[in-house]
Amino acid sequence: QAQVVESGGGLVQAGGSLRLSCAVSGSIYSINAMGWYRQAPGKQRELVADITSGGSTNYADSVKGRFTISRDNAKNTVYLQMNSLKPEDTADYYCRVIADGGVYWGQGAQVTVSS
C-alpha cells in the first residue's frame, strides 16, 4: 500500500506563484505515472498535469505555459510549480499516483487565488 500526502497549498494573489509537493511512502516497488488533478466547487475533478516514469509530461490547455510538473524519483515525490496564478485556478488539488498496479490519491491541498 502507498500513502500519498500533498503539501504547499495556500492563499495567493492573482499573478503569484505556489509550489505543490506530493510525497509517496509505504511498501512500494515501482511508481509509474504521477499527476495532479483539481476540483473547483460545483465542478468535476479535472486533470491538471501528469508525468510518466520516463519524464514525459502532459498538461491541461488551461495551465500550459504557467504550470510545470516535475518529479524526483529518488524521493518518490512529484511537484507542481504554479506561476501566473488566476482566480479560476482556485480549487482543491489532488495528487494521483499509479504504483504497483494500483491507483492512489492524496487527501487534497487547497489553493485559493484572490483577484
C-alpha atoms as a PDB file:
ATOM      1  CA  GLN A   1       0.000   0.000   0.000  1.00  0.00           C
ATOM      2  CA  ALA A   2       1.121   3.552  -0.783  1.00  0.00           C
ATOM      3  CA  GLN A   3       0.421   6.670   1.219  1.00  0.00           C
ATOM      4  CA  VAL A   4       0.177   9.937  -0.695  1.00  0.00           C
ATOM      5  CA  VAL A   5       0.494  13.278   1.052  1.00  0.00           C
ATOM      6  CA  GLU A   6       0.249  16.711  -0.590  1.00  0.00           C
ATOM      7  CA  SER A   7       1.626  19.954   0.806  1.00  0.00           C
ATOM      8  CA  GLY A   8       2.144  23.540  -0.292  1.00  0.00           C
ATOM      9  CA  GLY A   9      -1.354  24.852  -0.851  1.00  0.00           C
ATOM     10  CA  GLY A  10      -2.490  28.218   0.388  1.00  0.00           C
ATOM     11  CA  LEU A  11      -3.819  31.663  -0.436  1.00  0.00           C
ATOM     12  CA  VAL A  12      -2.112  33.797  -3.063  1.00  0.00           C
ATOM     13  CA  GLN A  13      -2.952  36.899  -5.051  1.00  0.00           C
ATOM     14  CA  ALA A  14      -3.571  36.728  -8.783  1.00  0.00           C
ATOM     15  CA  GLY A  15      -0.277  36.714 -10.638  1.00  0.00           C
ATOM     16  CA  GLY A  16       1.513  34.997  -7.786  1.00  0.00           C
ATOM     17  CA  SER A  17       3.100  31.566  -7.502  1.00  0.00           C
ATOM     18  CA  LEU A  18       2.760  28.436  -5.410  1.00  0.00           C
ATOM     19  CA  ARG A  19       4.545  25.109  -5.401  1.00  0.00           C
ATOM     20  CA  LEU A  20       2.730  21.916  -4.501  1.00  0.00           C
ATOM     21  CA  SER A  21       4.555  18.789  -3.396  1.00  0.00           C
ATOM     22  CA  CYS A  22       3.318  15.224  -3.196  1.00  0.00           C
ATOM     23  CA  ALA A  23       5.309  12.582  -1.351  1.00  0.00           C
ATOM     24  CA  VAL A  24       4.652   8.869  -1.694  1.00  0.00           C
ATOM     25  CA  SER A  25       5.574   6.475   1.079  1.00  0.00           C
ATOM     26  CA  GLY A  26       4.877   2.875   2.066  1.00  0.00           C
ATOM     27  CA  SER A  27       5.750  -0.514   0.683  1.00  0.00           C
ATOM     28  CA  ILE A  28       6.110   0.384  -2.970  1.00  0.00           C
ATOM     29  CA  TYR A  29       8.044  -1.488  -5.611  1.00  0.00           C
ATOM     30  CA  SER A  30       7.516   0.770  -8.608  1.00  0.00           C
ATOM     31  CA  ILE A  31       5.862   4.131  -9.247  1.00  0.00           C
ATOM     32  CA  ASN A  32       4.615   4.729 -12.764  1.00  0.00           C
ATOM     33  CA  ALA A  33       2.683   7.878 -13.644  1.00  0.00           C
ATOM     34  CA  MET A  34       2.213  10.709 -11.157  1.00  0.00           C
ATOM     35  CA  GLY A  35      -0.165  13.565 -11.671  1.00  0.00           C
ATOM     36  CA  TRP A  36      -2.139  16.473 -10.337  1.00  0.00           C
ATOM     37  CA  TYR A  37      -5.880  16.915 -10.608  1.00  0.00           C
ATOM     38  CA  ARG A  38      -8.077  19.703  -9.320  1.00  0.00           C
ATOM     39  CA  GLN A  39     -11.681  20.147  -8.352  1.00  0.00           C
ATOM     40  CA  ALA A  40     -13.346  23.517  -8.011  1.00  0.00           C
ATOM     41  CA  PRO A  41     -16.621  23.910  -6.095  1.00  0.00           C
ATOM     42  CA  GLY A  42     -19.512  22.584  -8.149  1.00  0.00           C
ATOM     43  CA  LYS A  43     -17.257  21.236 -10.870  1.00  0.00           C
ATOM     44  CA  GLN A  44     -15.888  17.845 -11.815  1.00  0.00           C
ATOM     45  CA  ARG A  45     -12.354  16.829 -10.992  1.00  0.00           C
ATOM     46  CA  GLU A  46     -10.055  17.510 -13.934  1.00  0.00           C
ATOM     47  CA  LEU A  47      -6.516  16.668 -14.933  1.00  0.00           C
ATOM     48  CA  VAL A  48      -4.030  19.486 -14.468  1.00  0.00           C
ATOM     49  CA  ALA A  49      -0.793  17.729 -15.416  1.00  0.00           C
ATOM     50  CA  ASP A  50       0.838  14.348 -15.270  1.00  0.00           C
ATOM     51  CA  ILE A  51       4.295  12.872 -15.750  1.00  0.00           C
ATOM     52  CA  THR A  52       5.412   9.376 -16.620  1.00  0.00           C
ATOM     53  CA  SER A  53       8.243   7.472 -15.007  1.00  0.00           C
ATOM     54  CA  GLY A  54      10.347   8.426 -18.016  1.00  0.00           C
ATOM     55  CA  GLY A  55       9.643  12.126 -17.599  1.00  0.00           C
ATOM     56  CA  SER A  56       7.095  12.704 -20.364  1.00  0.00           C
ATOM     57  CA  THR A  57       4.613  15.377 -19.375  1.00  0.00           C
ATOM     58  CA  ASN A  58       1.057  16.295 -20.272  1.00  0.00           C
ATOM     59  CA  TYR A  59      -0.808  19.493 -19.360  1.00  0.00           C
ATOM     60  CA  ALA A  60      -4.331  20.782 -19.492  1.00  0.00           C
ATOM     61  CA  ASP A  61      -4.632  23.585 -22.045  1.00  0.00           C
ATOM     62  CA  SER A  62      -5.710  25.992 -19.308  1.00  0.00           C
ATOM     63  CA  VAL A  63      -2.367  25.710 -17.492  1.00  0.00           C
ATOM     64  CA  LYS A  64       0.116  25.311 -20.341  1.00  0.00           C
ATOM     65  CA  GLY A  65       2.921  27.824 -20.092  1.00  0.00           C
ATOM     66  CA  ARG A  66       2.084  28.642 -16.459  1.00  0.00           C
ATOM     67  CA  PHE A  67       2.397  25.345 -14.572  1.00  0.00           C
ATOM     68  CA  THR A  68       5.300  22.912 -14.556  1.00  0.00           C
ATOM     69  CA  ILE A  69       5.186  19.356 -13.263  1.00  0.00           C
ATOM     70  CA  SER A  70       8.348  17.559 -12.218  1.00  0.00           C
ATOM     71  CA  ARG A  71       9.332  14.536 -10.178  1.00  0.00           C
ATOM     72  CA  ASP A  72      12.208  13.336  -8.067  1.00  0.00           C
ATOM     73  CA  ASN A  73      12.266   9.561  -8.381  1.00  0.00           C
ATOM     74  CA  ALA A  74      14.835   9.194  -5.614  1.00  0.00           C
ATOM     75  CA  LYS A  75      12.443  10.890  -3.200  1.00  0.00           C
ATOM     76  CA  ASN A  76       9.197   9.421  -4.650  1.00  0.00           C
ATOM     77  CA  THR A  77       7.939  12.985  -4.904  1.00  0.00           C
ATOM     78  CA  VAL A  78       6.135  14.955  -7.591  1.00  0.00           C
ATOM     79  CA  TYR A  79       5.917  18.736  -7.722  1.00  0.00           C
ATOM     80  CA  LEU A  80       3.659  21.266  -9.372  1.00  0.00           C
ATOM     81  CA  GLN A  81       5.101  24.740  -9.824  1.00  0.00           C
ATOM     82  CA  MET A  82       2.254  27.151 -10.463  1.00  0.00           C
ATOM     83  CA  ASN A  83       3.059  30.608 -11.800  1.00  0.00           C
ATOM     84  CA  SER A  84       0.889  33.479 -13.009  1.00  0.00           C
ATOM     85  CA  LEU A  85      -1.990  32.140 -10.972  1.00  0.00           C
ATOM     86  CA  LYS A  86      -5.507  33.237 -11.829  1.00  0.00           C
ATOM     87  CA  PRO A  87      -8.672  33.263  -9.716  1.00  0.00           C
ATOM     88  CA  GLU A  88     -10.015  30.443 -11.883  1.00  0.00           C
ATOM     89  CA  ASP A  89      -7.168  28.240 -10.644  1.00  0.00           C
ATOM     90  CA  THR A  90      -8.844  28.203  -7.237  1.00  0.00           C
ATOM     91  CA  ALA A  91      -9.597  24.570  -6.365  1.00  0.00           C
ATOM     92  CA  ASP A  92      -8.629  21.606  -4.266  1.00  0.00           C
ATOM     93  CA  TYR A  93      -5.593  19.995  -5.870  1.00  0.00           C
ATOM     94  CA  TYR A  94      -5.167  16.242  -5.636  1.00  0.00           C
ATOM     95  CA  CYS A  95      -2.137  14.122  -6.308  1.00  0.00           C
ATOM     96  CA  ARG A  96      -2.706  10.812  -8.076  1.00  0.00           C
ATOM     97  CA  VAL A  97      -0.088   8.099  -8.222  1.00  0.00           C
ATOM     98  CA  ILE A  98      -0.083   4.849 -10.150  1.00  0.00           C
ATOM     99  CA  ALA A  99       2.116   2.378  -8.319  1.00  0.00           C
ATOM    100  CA  ASP A 100       2.389  -1.396  -8.317  1.00  0.00           C
ATOM    101  CA  GLY A 101      -0.742  -1.684 -10.436  1.00  0.00           C
ATOM    102  CA  GLY A 102      -2.856   0.404  -8.087  1.00  0.00           C
ATOM    103  CA  VAL A 103      -4.122   3.995  -8.132  1.00  0.00           C
ATOM    104  CA  TYR A 104      -3.623   6.128  -5.031  1.00  0.00           C
ATOM    105  CA  TRP A 105      -4.936   9.596  -4.236  1.00  0.00           C
ATOM    106  CA  GLY A 106      -3.842  12.164  -1.711  1.00  0.00           C
ATOM    107  CA  GLN A 107      -6.194  13.999   0.599  1.00  0.00           C
ATOM    108  CA  GLY A 108      -6.012  17.245  -1.364  1.00  0.00           C
ATOM    109  CA  ALA A 109      -4.397  20.654  -0.961  1.00  0.00           C
ATOM    110  CA  GLN A 110      -6.480  23.802  -1.129  1.00  0.00           C
ATOM    111  CA  VAL A 111      -5.340  26.579  -3.451  1.00  0.00           C
ATOM    112  CA  THR A 112      -7.120  29.914  -3.350  1.00  0.00           C
ATOM    113  CA  VAL A 113      -6.240  32.728  -5.746  1.00  0.00           C
ATOM    114  CA  SER A 114      -7.650  36.135  -4.882  1.00  0.00           C
ATOM    115  CA  SER A 115      -8.300  38.808  -7.500  1.00  0.00           C
END
